[in-house]
Amino acid sequence: MLLLGSERSVTQNYNIHKDAEDYSGEHLSIIRINGRAKVTKVVNKYINHEDTINYNDYLNNHSLWRDETYYNCISITGKVVRYHQSELGGNHVELECYEGDLKIHIRLYHMAEVLVNVGDIVDSNTIIGKQGNTGLVLSKKRSSDISYGSHVHMEVLDDNYKSINPRDYATFDRAVTYREQTNIIDNSKKQIKIIVDKINIRSNPDVLSYDIGDVYNGEIYDVLGVSEDEKYTWYNIKTSLGLVGYVANEKNKIWLIVTNEEEKIEGDIKEVDDVKELKLIFTCEKDGTYAIKLKYGERLYIE
């Protein structure tokens, strides 16, 4: 049976696992998908085998290991490994793709190493990573075996993050594609560029409004309007797929930058000679247009 680009067999099926399937195969064998997808999340900081946690040890000790949202786990090699609760699947990726009009998410866990980055568009020729045993695994092998617990854990979810049986995607009987929703760069328009991994698109400029999608690192969007509240600046956008909503930038943080906004500074910039000391508050690392909120009496100097 062809599973994710290599000969693998099912070790825990969807009916038993309930929200995923596990596939055994050759340790360090490559992992691919059938079709095209965008990488939306990557965790790639754990050492294969060395950072492997026995699942039964975790069940017996997780209350002792827990440190708020982290676990200070003891690996099968005796090493203390600090895992965030969202990273107990070890090195993993999340992919966004489509099957027809259905938007789906594919998650691949326990990799020895991940070979792609957030924002990459991967296809059937892309090696996403290598099968491994990082995170929580269970095995009948000896813990000294370098391939202890090596497998691929695969989840497929719809756009509401409800589980779908992953078998047909793993066997390549079903293919996926990616529908790019970013706008093209247009110097005549006010646009934003996303510079963090992901920001939710909200139906209204309010964090309590419906989450209707996501934007990702490197994507560009036309700005239809801007509004503010005490904590966020909200940008009204329309994606190339026709989705209209609001993307937030938390004030005093840089989740996105405003680019290609045609604004000219009126008047001459005069030399400043009456300031003895300047406090550095920001260093510009790339070209762009930035919004700055000033209080009464504050001065802005341009170097």
C-alpha atoms as a PDB file:
ATOM      1  CA  MET A   1       0.000   0.000   0.000  1.00  0.00           C
ATOM      2  CA  LEU A   2       1.419   3.410  -1.007  1.00  0.00           C
ATOM      3  CA  LEU A   3       1.141   5.791   1.934  1.00  0.00           C
ATOM      4  CA  LEU A   4       2.453   9.371   1.867  1.00  0.00           C
ATOM      5  CA  GLY A   5       5.153   8.584  -0.678  1.00  0.00           C
ATOM      6  CA  SER A   6       6.535   5.373   0.817  1.00  0.00           C
ATOM      7  CA  GLU A   7       5.525   1.784   1.609  1.00  0.00           C
ATOM      8  CA  ARG A   8       3.678   1.966   4.903  1.00  0.00           C
ATOM      9  CA  SER A   9       0.963   0.031   6.695  1.00  0.00           C
ATOM     10  CA  VAL A  10      -1.798   1.149   9.035  1.00  0.00           C
ATOM     11  CA  THR A  11      -0.976   0.564  12.706  1.00  0.00           C
ATOM     12  CA  GLN A  12      -3.960   2.374  14.196  1.00  0.00           C
ATOM     13  CA  ASN A  13      -6.957   3.009  11.984  1.00  0.00           C
ATOM     14  CA  TYR A  14      -9.381   5.922  11.996  1.00  0.00           C
ATOM     15  CA  ASN A  15     -12.210   3.974  13.670  1.00  0.00           C
ATOM     16  CA  ILE A  16      -9.995   3.213  16.669  1.00  0.00           C
ATOM     17  CA  HIS A  17      -8.027   6.459  16.724  1.00  0.00           C
ATOM     18  CA  LYS A  18     -11.225   8.516  16.143  1.00  0.00           C
ATOM     19  CA  ASP A  19      -9.497  11.593  14.672  1.00  0.00           C
ATOM     20  CA  ALA A  20      -6.379  10.330  12.845  1.00  0.00           C
ATOM     21  CA  GLU A  21      -4.487   7.314  11.574  1.00  0.00           C
ATOM     22  CA  ASP A  22      -0.982   6.036  12.325  1.00  0.00           C
ATOM     23  CA  TYR A  23       1.216   4.486   9.648  1.00  0.00           C
ATOM     24  CA  SER A  24       4.379   2.465  10.154  1.00  0.00           C
ATOM     25  CA  GLY A  25       7.168   2.373   7.598  1.00  0.00           C
ATOM     26  CA  GLU A  26      10.890   2.595   7.176  1.00  0.00           C
ATOM     27  CA  HIS A  27      12.483   4.948   9.698  1.00  0.00           C
ATOM     28  CA  LEU A  28      13.593   8.248   8.060  1.00  0.00           C
ATOM     29  CA  SER A  29      11.664   7.460   4.881  1.00  0.00           C
ATOM     30  CA  ILE A  30      10.376  10.518   3.029  1.00  0.00           C
ATOM     31  CA  ILE A  31       6.900  12.031   3.331  1.00  0.00           C
ATOM     32  CA  ARG A  32       5.005  13.617   0.438  1.00  0.00           C
ATOM     33  CA  ILE A  33       1.412  14.532  -0.389  1.00  0.00           C
ATOM     34  CA  ASN A  34      -0.642  14.041  -3.531  1.00  0.00           C
ATOM     35  CA  GLY A  35      -1.318  17.497  -4.999  1.00  0.00           C
ATOM     36  CA  ARG A  36      -0.548  21.049  -3.875  1.00  0.00           C
ATOM     37  CA  ALA A  37      -0.857  22.727  -0.472  1.00  0.00           C
ATOM     38  CA  LYS A  38       0.437  25.674   1.512  1.00  0.00           C
ATOM     39  CA  VAL A  39       2.513  25.181   4.663  1.00  0.00           C
ATOM     40  CA  THR A  40       0.811  27.094   7.487  1.00  0.00           C
ATOM     41  CA  LYS A  41       2.614  25.742  10.568  1.00  0.00           C
ATOM     42  CA  VAL A  42       6.005  24.146  11.253  1.00  0.00           C
ATOM     43  CA  VAL A  43       7.552  22.771  14.448  1.00  0.00           C
ATOM     44  CA  ASN A  44      11.083  21.541  13.789  1.00  0.00           C
ATOM     45  CA  LYS A  45      13.162  21.784  16.966  1.00  0.00           C
ATOM     46  CA  TYR A  46      13.208  18.295  18.477  1.00  0.00           C
ATOM     47  CA  ILE A  47      15.963  15.689  18.028  1.00  0.00           C
ATOM     48  CA  ASN A  48      14.865  12.362  16.615  1.00  0.00           C
ATOM     49  CA  HIS A  49      15.010   9.458  19.136  1.00  0.00           C
ATOM     50  CA  GLU A  50      16.860  11.571  21.707  1.00  0.00           C
ATOM     51  CA  ASP A  51      13.708  13.607  22.392  1.00  0.00           C
ATOM     52  CA  THR A  52      11.250  10.706  22.117  1.00  0.00           C
ATOM     53  CA  ILE A  53       8.770  10.403  24.993  1.00  0.00           C
ATOM     54  CA  ASN A  54       7.182   7.053  25.833  1.00  0.00           C
ATOM     55  CA  TYR A  55       3.423   7.553  25.807  1.00  0.00           C
ATOM     56  CA  ASN A  56       2.843   5.364  28.879  1.00  0.00           C
ATOM     57  CA  ASP A  57       5.507   7.285  30.819  1.00  0.00           C
ATOM     58  CA  TYR A  58       3.680  10.470  29.904  1.00  0.00           C
ATOM     59  CA  LEU A  59       0.327   9.100  31.116  1.00  0.00           C
ATOM     60  CA  ASN A  60       1.885   8.043  34.426  1.00  0.00           C
ATOM     61  CA  ASN A  61       3.843  11.252  35.017  1.00  0.00           C
ATOM     62  CA  HIS A  62       2.213  14.105  33.094  1.00  0.00           C
ATOM     63  CA  SER A  63       0.774  15.735  36.246  1.00  0.00           C
ATOM     64  CA  LEU A  64       4.276  15.828  37.757  1.00  0.00           C
ATOM     65  CA  TRP A  65       5.855  16.957  34.510  1.00  0.00           C
ATOM     66  CA  ARG A  66       3.333  19.718  33.857  1.00  0.00           C
ATOM     67  CA  ASP A  67       4.550  23.314  34.155  1.00  0.00           C
ATOM     68  CA  GLU A  68       1.571  25.468  33.152  1.00  0.00           C
ATOM     69  CA  THR A  69       1.397  25.094  29.338  1.00  0.00           C
ATOM     70  CA  TYR A  70       4.635  23.062  29.187  1.00  0.00           C
ATOM     71  CA  TYR A  71       5.731  19.565  30.186  1.00  0.00           C
ATOM     72  CA  ASN A  72       9.252  18.831  31.422  1.00  0.00           C
ATOM     73  CA  CYS A  73       9.289  15.275  30.072  1.00  0.00           C
ATOM     74  CA  ILE A  74      11.866  12.554  30.611  1.00  0.00           C
ATOM     75  CA  SER A  75      12.716  11.039  27.230  1.00  0.00           C
ATOM     76  CA  ILE A  76      13.513   7.379  26.547  1.00  0.00           C
ATOM     77  CA  THR A  77      17.193   8.355  26.601  1.00  0.00           C
ATOM     78  CA  GLY A  78      16.895   9.962  30.054  1.00  0.00           C
ATOM     79  CA  LYS A  79      17.000  13.523  28.774  1.00  0.00           C
ATOM     80  CA  VAL A  80      14.727  16.268  30.141  1.00  0.00           C
ATOM     81  CA  VAL A  81      12.810  17.675  27.159  1.00  0.00           C
ATOM     82  CA  ARG A  82      10.572  20.708  27.531  1.00  0.00           C
ATOM     83  CA  TYR A  83       7.506  20.276  25.309  1.00  0.00           C
ATOM     84  CA  HIS A  84       4.771  22.849  24.901  1.00  0.00           C
ATOM     85  CA  GLN A  85       1.339  21.243  25.178  1.00  0.00           C
ATOM     86  CA  SER A  86       0.711  22.040  21.501  1.00  0.00           C
ATOM     87  CA  GLU A  87       3.956  20.311  20.466  1.00  0.00           C
ATOM     88  CA  LEU A  88       3.543  16.876  22.012  1.00  0.00           C
ATOM     89  CA  GLY A  89       3.307  15.570  18.453  1.00  0.00           C
ATOM     90  CA  GLY A  90       6.982  16.432  18.052  1.00  0.00           C
ATOM     91  CA  ASN A  91       8.221  17.900  14.798  1.00  0.00           C
ATOM     92  CA  HIS A  92       5.180  18.468  12.619  1.00  0.00           C
ATOM     93  CA  VAL A  93       3.590  20.504   9.849  1.00  0.00           C
ATOM     94  CA  GLU A  94       0.120  21.767   9.052  1.00  0.00           C
ATOM     95  CA  LEU A  95      -0.943  22.231   5.444  1.00  0.00           C
ATOM     96  CA  GLU A  96      -3.857  24.157   3.980  1.00  0.00           C
ATOM     97  CA  CYS A  97      -5.380  22.904   0.740  1.00  0.00           C
ATOM     98  CA  TYR A  98      -8.625  22.311  -1.150  1.00  0.00           C
ATOM     99  CA  GLU A  99     -10.519  19.375  -2.582  1.00  0.00           C
ATOM    100  CA  GLY A 100     -12.919  21.056  -4.974  1.00  0.00           C
ATOM    101  CA  ASP A 101     -14.524  23.857  -2.956  1.00  0.00           C
ATOM    102  CA  LEU A 102     -13.831  22.091   0.354  1.00  0.00           C
ATOM    103  CA  LYS A 103     -11.027  23.708   2.320  1.00  0.00           C
ATOM    104  CA  ILE A 104      -9.110  21.163   4.382  1.00  0.00           C
ATOM    105  CA  HIS A 105      -6.147  21.022   6.732  1.00  0.00           C
ATOM    106  CA  ILE A 106      -3.610  18.184   6.815  1.00  0.00           C
ATOM    107  CA  ARG A 107      -1.427  17.595   9.866  1.00  0.00           C
ATOM    108  CA  LEU A 108       1.632  15.317   9.882  1.00  0.00           C
ATOM    109  CA  TYR A 109       3.260  14.543  13.250  1.00  0.00           C
ATOM    110  CA  HIS A 110       6.336  12.857  14.787  1.00  0.00           C
ATOM    111  CA  MET A 111       8.749  13.643  11.964  1.00  0.00           C
ATOM    112  CA  ALA A 112      12.487  13.221  12.401  1.00  0.00           C
ATOM    113  CA  GLU A 113      12.897  16.534  10.602  1.00  0.00           C
ATOM    114  CA  VAL A 114      10.760  18.941   8.621  1.00  0.00           C
ATOM    115  CA  LEU A 115      12.164  20.095   5.281  1.00  0.00           C
ATOM    116  CA  VAL A 116       9.707  22.895   4.424  1.00  0.00           C
ATOM    117  CA  ASN A 117       8.952  26.344   5.845  1.00  0.00           C
ATOM    118  CA  VAL A 118       5.819  28.319   6.643  1.00  0.00           C
ATOM    119  CA  GLY A 119       4.501  29.925   3.476  1.00  0.00           C
ATOM    120  CA  ASP A 120       5.936  27.300   1.100  1.00  0.00           C
ATOM    121  CA  ILE A 121       3.662  25.925  -1.613  1.00  0.00           C
ATOM    122  CA  VAL A 122       4.405  22.196  -1.744  1.00  0.00           C
ATOM    123  CA  ASP A 123       3.424  19.686  -4.416  1.00  0.00           C
ATOM    124  CA  SER A 124       3.749  15.976  -5.150  1.00  0.00           C
ATOM    125  CA  ASN A 125       7.468  16.359  -5.804  1.00  0.00           C
ATOM    126  CA  THR A 126       8.209  18.121  -2.519  1.00  0.00           C
ATOM    127  CA  ILE A 127       9.763  16.131   0.318  1.00  0.00           C
ATOM    128  CA  ILE A 128       7.914  17.559   3.320  1.00  0.00           C
ATOM    129  CA  GLY A 129       9.961  15.698   5.910  1.00  0.00           C
ATOM    130  CA  LYS A 130      11.210  12.346   7.139  1.00  0.00           C
ATOM    131  CA  GLN A 131       9.413   9.765   9.242  1.00  0.00           C
ATOM    132  CA  GLY A 132      10.585   9.749  12.838  1.00  0.00           C
ATOM    133  CA  ASN A 133       9.684   9.424  16.489  1.00  0.00           C
ATOM    134  CA  THR A 134       9.749  12.901  18.044  1.00  0.00           C
ATOM    135  CA  GLY A 135       7.053  13.683  20.615  1.00  0.00           C
ATOM    136  CA  LEU A 136       4.858  11.093  22.351  1.00  0.00           C
ATOM    137  CA  VAL A 137       5.101   7.617  20.828  1.00  0.00           C
ATOM    138  CA  LEU A 138       4.391   4.050  21.875  1.00  0.00           C
ATOM    139  CA  SER A 139       6.398   1.047  20.723  1.00  0.00           C
ATOM    140  CA  LYS A 140       7.119  -2.595  21.514  1.00  0.00           C
ATOM    141  CA  LYS A 141      10.726  -2.084  20.457  1.00  0.00           C
ATOM    142  CA  ARG A 142      13.543  -1.545  22.894  1.00  0.00           C
ATOM    143  CA  SER A 143      14.077   2.105  23.737  1.00  0.00           C
ATOM    144  CA  SER A 144      17.711   1.771  22.624  1.00  0.00           C
ATOM    145  CA  ASP A 145      16.514   1.090  19.066  1.00  0.00           C
ATOM    146  CA  ILE A 146      17.033   4.283  17.037  1.00  0.00           C
ATOM    147  CA  SER A 147      13.764   3.554  15.158  1.00  0.00           C
ATOM    148  CA  TYR A 148      11.800   3.161  18.408  1.00  0.00           C
ATOM    149  CA  GLY A 149       8.191   4.132  17.730  1.00  0.00           C
ATOM    150  CA  SER A 150       8.921   5.538  14.276  1.00  0.00           C
ATOM    151  CA  HIS A 151       5.679   6.292  12.394  1.00  0.00           C
ATOM    152  CA  VAL A 152       3.602   8.936  10.641  1.00  0.00           C
ATOM    153  CA  HIS A 153       0.519  10.310  12.392  1.00  0.00           C
ATOM    154  CA  MET A 154      -1.846  11.944   9.895  1.00  0.00           C
ATOM    155  CA  GLU A 155      -4.920  14.088  10.543  1.00  0.00           C
ATOM    156  CA  VAL A 156      -7.258  15.617   7.963  1.00  0.00           C
ATOM    157  CA  LEU A 157      -9.759  18.271   9.081  1.00  0.00           C
ATOM    158  CA  ASP A 158     -12.391  20.370   7.348  1.00  0.00           C
ATOM    159  CA  ASP A 159     -12.532  24.170   7.593  1.00  0.00           C
ATOM    160  CA  ASN A 160     -14.378  23.876  10.936  1.00  0.00           C
ATOM    161  CA  TYR A 161     -11.572  21.595  12.159  1.00  0.00           C
ATOM    162  CA  LYS A 162     -13.825  18.528  12.266  1.00  0.00           C
ATOM    163  CA  SER A 163     -12.004  15.280  11.564  1.00  0.00           C
ATOM    164  CA  ILE A 164     -12.129  13.501   8.200  1.00  0.00           C
ATOM    165  CA  ASN A 165     -10.950   9.935   7.623  1.00  0.00           C
ATOM    166  CA  PRO A 166      -7.418  10.459   6.207  1.00  0.00           C
ATOM    167  CA  ARG A 167      -7.033   7.051   4.533  1.00  0.00           C
ATOM    168  CA  ASP A 168      -7.757   8.082   0.930  1.00  0.00           C
ATOM    169  CA  TYR A 169      -5.392  11.050   1.239  1.00  0.00           C
ATOM    170  CA  ALA A 170      -2.650   8.840   2.680  1.00  0.00           C
ATOM    171  CA  THR A 171      -3.017   6.245  -0.090  1.00  0.00           C
ATOM    172  CA  PHE A 172      -3.010   8.992  -2.745  1.00  0.00           C
ATOM    173  CA  ASP A 173      -6.462   7.918  -3.962  1.00  0.00           C
ATOM    174  CA  ARG A 174      -7.555  11.534  -3.401  1.00  0.00           C
ATOM    175  CA  ALA A 175      -5.591  14.561  -4.543  1.00  0.00           C
ATOM    176  CA  VAL A 176      -5.660  18.099  -3.167  1.00  0.00           C
ATOM    177  CA  THR A 177      -4.858  21.488  -4.638  1.00  0.00           C
ATOM    178  CA  TYR A 178      -4.140  24.967  -3.314  1.00  0.00           C
ATOM    179  CA  ARG A 179      -6.162  28.048  -4.196  1.00  0.00           C
ATOM    180  CA  GLU A 180      -4.085  31.166  -3.591  1.00  0.00           C
ATOM    181  CA  GLN A 181      -6.157  33.945  -2.012  1.00  0.00           C
ATOM    182  CA  THR A 182      -3.492  36.639  -1.821  1.00  0.00           C
ATOM    183  CA  ASN A 183      -3.809  39.757  -4.008  1.00  0.00           C
ATOM    184  CA  ILE A 184      -1.067  40.754  -6.436  1.00  0.00           C
ATOM    185  CA  ILE A 185       1.286  43.618  -5.580  1.00  0.00           C
ATOM    186  CA  ASP A 186      -0.143  46.894  -6.922  1.00  0.00           C
ATOM    187  CA  ASN A 187       1.816  50.096  -6.304  1.00  0.00           C
ATOM    188  CA  SER A 188      -1.268  52.209  -6.964  1.00  0.00           C
ATOM    189  CA  LYS A 189      -3.179  50.739  -4.007  1.00  0.00           C
ATOM    190  CA  LYS A 190      -2.885  50.750  -0.247  1.00  0.00           C
ATOM    191  CA  GLN A 191      -1.982  47.187   0.709  1.00  0.00           C
ATOM    192  CA  ILE A 192      -0.843  45.175   3.716  1.00  0.00           C
ATOM    193  CA  LYS A 193       1.779  42.450   3.822  1.00  0.00           C
ATOM    194  CA  ILE A 194       1.491  39.747   6.489  1.00  0.00           C
ATOM    195  CA  ILE A 195       4.801  39.172   8.326  1.00  0.00           C
ATOM    196  CA  VAL A 196       3.746  36.696  11.045  1.00  0.00           C
ATOM    197  CA  ASP A 197       2.777  33.047  10.525  1.00  0.00           C
ATOM    198  CA  LYS A 198      -1.014  33.510  10.630  1.00  0.00           C
ATOM    199  CA  ILE A 199      -3.731  36.067  11.448  1.00  0.00           C
ATOM    200  CA  ASN A 200      -7.457  35.296  11.609  1.00  0.00           C
ATOM    201  CA  ILE A 201      -9.869  37.014   9.230  1.00  0.00           C
ATOM    202  CA  ARG A 202     -12.868  38.231  11.256  1.00  0.00           C
ATOM    203  CA  SER A 203     -16.346  38.969   9.938  1.00  0.00           C
ATOM    204  CA  ASN A 204     -16.326  42.330  11.776  1.00  0.00           C
ATOM    205  CA  PRO A 205     -13.620  44.491  13.416  1.00  0.00           C
ATOM    206  CA  ASP A 206     -14.066  42.680  16.728  1.00  0.00           C
ATOM    207  CA  VAL A 207     -12.130  39.716  18.191  1.00  0.00           C
ATOM    208  CA  LEU A 208     -15.459  38.177  19.250  1.00  0.00           C
ATOM    209  CA  SER A 209     -16.866  38.182  15.698  1.00  0.00           C
ATOM    210  CA  TYR A 210     -16.810  35.073  13.514  1.00  0.00           C
ATOM    211  CA  ASP A 211     -13.479  33.643  12.325  1.00  0.00           C
ATOM    212  CA  ILE A 212     -14.059  33.329   8.569  1.00  0.00           C
ATOM    213  CA  GLY A 213     -10.557  32.392   7.402  1.00  0.00           C
ATOM    214  CA  ASP A 214      -6.857  33.082   7.779  1.00  0.00           C
ATOM    215  CA  VAL A 215      -4.054  35.056   6.136  1.00  0.00           C
ATOM    216  CA  TYR A 216      -0.461  33.857   6.152  1.00  0.00           C
ATOM    217  CA  ASN A 217       3.124  35.047   6.143  1.00  0.00           C
ATOM    218  CA  GLY A 218       4.134  36.822   2.931  1.00  0.00           C
ATOM    219  CA  GLU A 219       0.625  37.343   1.566  1.00  0.00           C
ATOM    220  CA  ILE A 220      -0.489  40.731   0.196  1.00  0.00           C
ATOM    221  CA  TYR A 221      -3.995  42.207   0.492  1.00  0.00           C
ATOM    222  CA  ASP A 222      -5.720  45.352  -0.762  1.00  0.00           C
ATOM    223  CA  VAL A 223      -7.017  47.577   2.038  1.00  0.00           C
ATOM    224  CA  LEU A 224     -10.659  48.673   1.646  1.00  0.00           C
ATOM    225  CA  GLY A 225     -10.728  50.623   4.904  1.00  0.00           C
ATOM    226  CA  VAL A 226      -9.148  51.001   8.338  1.00  0.00           C
ATOM    227  CA  SER A 227     -10.704  51.254  11.805  1.00  0.00           C
ATOM    228  CA  GLU A 228      -9.316  51.191  15.329  1.00  0.00           C
ATOM    229  CA  ASP A 229     -10.271  50.229  18.843  1.00  0.00           C
ATOM    230  CA  GLU A 230      -8.268  50.480  22.052  1.00  0.00           C
ATOM    231  CA  LYS A 231      -6.146  47.406  21.339  1.00  0.00           C
ATOM    232  CA  TYR A 232      -6.155  46.791  17.575  1.00  0.00           C
ATOM    233  CA  THR A 233      -5.952  48.462  14.193  1.00  0.00           C
ATOM    234  CA  TRP A 234      -8.369  46.669  11.832  1.00  0.00           C
ATOM    235  CA  TYR A 235      -7.810  46.435   8.072  1.00  0.00           C
ATOM    236  CA  ASN A 236     -10.815  45.629   5.902  1.00  0.00           C
ATOM    237  CA  ILE A 237      -9.613  43.349   3.065  1.00  0.00           C
ATOM    238  CA  LYS A 238     -10.971  41.381   0.131  1.00  0.00           C
ATOM    239  CA  THR A 239      -9.122  38.242  -0.948  1.00  0.00           C
ATOM    240  CA  SER A 240      -8.747  37.041  -4.527  1.00  0.00           C
ATOM    241  CA  LEU A 241     -11.323  34.341  -3.684  1.00  0.00           C
ATOM    242  CA  GLY A 242     -13.888  37.048  -2.905  1.00  0.00           C
ATOM    243  CA  LEU A 243     -13.771  36.714   0.890  1.00  0.00           C
ATOM    244  CA  VAL A 244     -14.298  40.082   2.633  1.00  0.00           C
ATOM    245  CA  GLY A 245     -13.345  40.545   6.270  1.00  0.00           C
ATOM    246  CA  TYR A 246     -11.100  42.222   8.816  1.00  0.00           C
ATOM    247  CA  VAL A 247      -7.473  41.541   9.734  1.00  0.00           C
ATOM    248  CA  ALA A 248      -6.116  42.968  13.004  1.00  0.00           C
ATOM    249  CA  ASN A 249      -2.728  44.300  14.008  1.00  0.00           C
ATOM    250  CA  GLU A 250      -2.281  44.605  17.762  1.00  0.00           C
ATOM    251  CA  LYS A 251      -0.973  48.019  18.652  1.00  0.00           C
ATOM    252  CA  ASN A 252       2.699  48.160  19.711  1.00  0.00           C
ATOM    253  CA  LYS A 253       3.289  44.910  17.776  1.00  0.00           C
ATOM    254  CA  ILE A 254       4.148  44.345  14.125  1.00  0.00           C
ATOM    255  CA  TRP A 255       2.046  41.544  12.636  1.00  0.00           C
ATOM    256  CA  LEU A 256       1.799  43.232   9.268  1.00  0.00           C
ATOM    257  CA  ILE A 257       3.167  46.221   7.399  1.00  0.00           C
ATOM    258  CA  VAL A 258       1.441  48.716   5.144  1.00  0.00           C
ATOM    259  CA  THR A 259       3.088  48.703   1.728  1.00  0.00           C
ATOM    260  CA  ASN A 260       2.860  50.571  -1.565  1.00  0.00           C
ATOM    261  CA  GLU A 261       0.733  53.367  -0.161  1.00  0.00           C
ATOM    262  CA  GLU A 262       1.151  56.428  -2.371  1.00  0.00           C
ATOM    263  CA  GLU A 263       1.695  59.166   0.178  1.00  0.00           C
ATOM    264  CA  LYS A 264       4.030  62.117  -0.255  1.00  0.00           C
ATOM    265  CA  ILE A 265       5.456  64.198   2.577  1.00  0.00           C
ATOM    266  CA  GLU A 266       4.465  67.787   1.936  1.00  0.00           C
ATOM    267  CA  GLY A 267       6.980  70.583   2.530  1.00  0.00           C
ATOM    268  CA  ASP A 268      10.683  70.469   3.218  1.00  0.00           C
ATOM    269  CA  ILE A 269      12.363  68.388   5.901  1.00  0.00           C
ATOM    270  CA  LYS A 270      14.417  70.845   7.894  1.00  0.00           C
ATOM    271  CA  GLU A 271      17.629  69.997   9.650  1.00  0.00           C
ATOM    272  CA  VAL A 272      17.175  69.376  13.365  1.00  0.00           C
ATOM    273  CA  ASP A 273      19.846  71.137  15.378  1.00  0.00           C
ATOM    274  CA  ASP A 274      18.128  71.763  18.699  1.00  0.00           C
ATOM    275  CA  VAL A 275      18.000  68.149  19.941  1.00  0.00           C
ATOM    276  CA  LYS A 276      20.984  66.981  21.961  1.00  0.00           C
ATOM    277  CA  GLU A 277      19.863  63.417  22.666  1.00  0.00           C
ATOM    278  CA  LEU A 278      17.465  61.143  20.803  1.00  0.00           C
ATOM    279  CA  LYS A 279      15.955  57.978  22.233  1.00  0.00           C
ATOM    280  CA  LEU A 280      15.902  55.100  19.713  1.00  0.00           C
ATOM    281  CA  ILE A 281      12.372  53.678  19.600  1.00  0.00           C
ATOM    282  CA  PHE A 282      12.298  51.988  16.201  1.00  0.00           C
ATOM    283  CA  THR A 283      14.683  50.861  13.467  1.00  0.00           C
ATOM    284  CA  CYS A 284      13.270  50.378   9.981  1.00  0.00           C
ATOM    285  CA  GLU A 285      14.464  47.059   8.534  1.00  0.00           C
ATOM    286  CA  LYS A 286      12.666  47.198   5.170  1.00  0.00           C
ATOM    287  CA  ASP A 287      10.962  49.680   2.866  1.00  0.00           C
ATOM    288  CA  GLY A 288       7.294  50.351   3.584  1.00  0.00           C
ATOM    289  CA  THR A 289       4.750  52.718   5.063  1.00  0.00           C
ATOM    290  CA  TYR A 290       4.248  52.604   8.827  1.00  0.00           C
ATOM    291  CA  ALA A 291       1.488  54.045  10.989  1.00  0.00           C
ATOM    292  CA  ILE A 292       2.654  55.895  14.101  1.00  0.00           C
ATOM    293  CA  LYS A 293       0.384  57.163  16.848  1.00  0.00           C
ATOM    294  CA  LEU A 294       1.707  60.281  18.610  1.00  0.00           C
ATOM    295  CA  LYS A 295       0.528  61.998  21.777  1.00  0.00           C
ATOM    296  CA  TYR A 296       0.203  65.748  22.245  1.00  0.00           C
ATOM    297  CA  GLY A 297       3.600  67.403  22.547  1.00  0.00           C
ATOM    298  CA  GLU A 298       5.576  64.449  21.184  1.00  0.00           C
ATOM    299  CA  ARG A 299       7.964  65.057  18.267  1.00  0.00           C
ATOM    300  CA  LEU A 300       8.959  62.784  15.422  1.00  0.00           C
ATOM    301  CA  TYR A 301      12.421  63.156  13.924  1.00  0.00           C
ATOM    302  CA  ILE A 302      13.525  61.553  10.662  1.00  0.00           C
ATOM    303  CA  GLU A 303      17.110  60.506  10.176  1.00  0.00           C
END
